[in-house]
Amino acid sequence: MDEAGRHGIEIVPGLEINCDVPGAEIHILGYCVDWKAEWFQEFLREQRAERVARVHRIVDAPDRARPAVDGGRGLRDLQGRLAGAAARGPGDDRRVAT
């Protein structure tokens, strides 16, 4: 955020929460979030931990339930990126996975 300001760029902190509901998917958007607030940092920690746990559930799933992945290489890459995201500090908004 500080670096952007030095270049005359204003960053509007925000978030998107995706929710699956019967027959639809809802995207909740929040702008001008106090990203330094403890409640928000705790939310991010929980989300990162769940992403890592999800990767482990996928890897541990029986072959018939596991998504097809390029020889496992793609999944290992995703695991590494998610583990890196979980280790990064607050305010690091680099995308983890798409």
Protein backbone atom coordinates (compact mmCIF):
# COMPACT_ATOMS: atom_id res chain seq x y z
CA MET A 1 0.00 0.00 0.00
CA ASP A 2 2.81 2.39 0.86
CA GLU A 3 4.63 1.61 -2.38
CA ALA A 4 1.52 2.39 -4.42
CA GLY A 5 1.21 5.77 -2.69
CA ARG A 6 4.77 6.65 -3.61
CA HIS A 7 3.78 6.22 -7.25
CA GLY A 8 0.56 8.23 -6.99
CA ILE A 9 -1.65 5.13 -7.03
CA GLU A 10 -4.53 4.87 -4.60
CA ILE A 11 -5.44 1.32 -3.64
CA VAL A 12 -8.94 0.68 -2.41
CA PRO A 13 -8.70 -2.32 -0.08
CA GLY A 14 -11.47 -4.77 -0.65
CA LEU A 15 -12.56 -8.34 -0.47
CA GLU A 16 -14.82 -10.80 -2.19
CA ILE A 17 -16.53 -13.63 -0.37
CA ASN A 18 -18.06 -16.35 -2.50
CA CYS A 19 -20.98 -18.30 -1.09
CA ASP A 20 -22.62 -21.34 -2.63
CA VAL A 21 -26.36 -21.51 -2.11
CA PRO A 22 -28.83 -23.96 -3.65
CA GLY A 23 -28.98 -23.18 -7.35
CA ALA A 24 -26.65 -20.18 -7.30
CA GLU A 25 -23.39 -18.66 -6.21
CA ILE A 26 -23.34 -15.34 -4.39
CA HIS A 27 -20.38 -12.94 -4.51
CA ILE A 28 -20.28 -10.48 -1.62
CA LEU A 29 -18.01 -7.49 -2.27
CA GLY A 30 -16.60 -5.19 0.37
CA TYR A 31 -14.66 -2.00 -0.35
CA CYS A 32 -12.57 0.30 1.87
CA VAL A 33 -12.04 -2.53 4.34
CA ASP A 34 -9.78 -1.81 7.29
CA TRP A 35 -7.34 -4.52 6.23
CA LYS A 36 -5.19 -3.99 9.31
CA ALA A 37 -8.08 -4.75 11.69
CA GLU A 38 -7.51 -7.84 13.81
CA TRP A 39 -10.90 -9.37 12.88
CA PHE A 40 -9.98 -9.10 9.20
CA GLN A 41 -6.51 -10.56 9.69
CA GLU A 42 -8.05 -13.47 11.61
CA PHE A 43 -10.53 -13.98 8.76
CA LEU A 44 -7.63 -14.09 6.27
CA ARG A 45 -5.71 -16.58 8.44
CA GLU A 46 -8.76 -18.85 8.58
CA GLN A 47 -9.28 -18.60 4.82
CA ARG A 48 -5.63 -19.43 4.09
CA ALA A 49 -5.70 -22.38 6.48
CA GLU A 50 -8.86 -23.71 4.84
CA ARG A 51 -7.28 -23.45 1.38
CA VAL A 52 -4.29 -25.47 2.53
CA ALA A 53 -6.58 -28.03 4.21
CA ARG A 54 -8.64 -28.28 1.01
CA VAL A 55 -5.54 -29.10 -1.02
CA HIS A 56 -4.69 -31.86 1.46
CA ARG A 57 -8.24 -33.24 1.26
CA ILE A 58 -7.97 -33.34 -2.53
CA VAL A 59 -4.57 -35.03 -2.43
CA ASP A 60 -5.77 -37.57 0.13
CA ALA A 61 -8.99 -38.34 -1.77
CA PRO A 62 -9.31 -41.72 -3.49
CA ASP A 63 -8.21 -41.61 -7.14
CA ARG A 64 -11.81 -41.70 -8.38
CA ALA A 65 -12.64 -38.55 -6.40
CA ARG A 66 -9.46 -36.64 -7.23
CA PRO A 67 -9.60 -34.13 -10.06
CA ALA A 68 -7.44 -35.00 -13.06
CA VAL A 69 -4.15 -33.18 -12.69
CA ASP A 70 -1.18 -33.19 -15.02
CA GLY A 71 0.68 -36.12 -13.45
CA GLY A 72 0.22 -34.49 -10.05
CA ARG A 73 2.63 -31.70 -11.03
CA GLY A 74 -0.12 -29.07 -11.18
CA LEU A 75 -1.47 -30.06 -7.80
CA ARG A 76 1.99 -30.00 -6.20
CA ASP A 77 2.53 -26.54 -7.67
CA LEU A 78 -0.80 -25.40 -6.21
CA GLN A 79 0.13 -26.87 -2.83
CA GLY A 80 3.38 -24.94 -2.86
CA ARG A 81 1.69 -21.68 -3.78
CA LEU A 82 -0.98 -22.12 -1.10
CA ALA A 83 1.60 -22.99 1.53
CA GLY A 84 3.49 -19.84 0.54
CA ALA A 85 0.31 -17.78 0.82
CA ALA A 86 -0.36 -19.14 4.29
CA ALA A 87 3.12 -18.08 5.36
CA ARG A 88 2.92 -14.54 3.96
CA GLY A 89 2.19 -11.67 6.28
CA PRO A 90 -0.84 -9.39 6.60
CA GLY A 91 -1.58 -7.03 3.75
CA ASP A 92 0.12 -9.20 1.14
CA ASP A 93 -2.52 -9.23 -1.58
CA ARG A 94 -0.69 -11.23 -4.24
CA ARG A 95 -3.04 -13.64 -5.93
CA VAL A 96 -2.59 -17.21 -4.82
CA ALA A 97 -4.53 -19.26 -7.33
CA THR A 98 -7.18 -18.80 -9.93
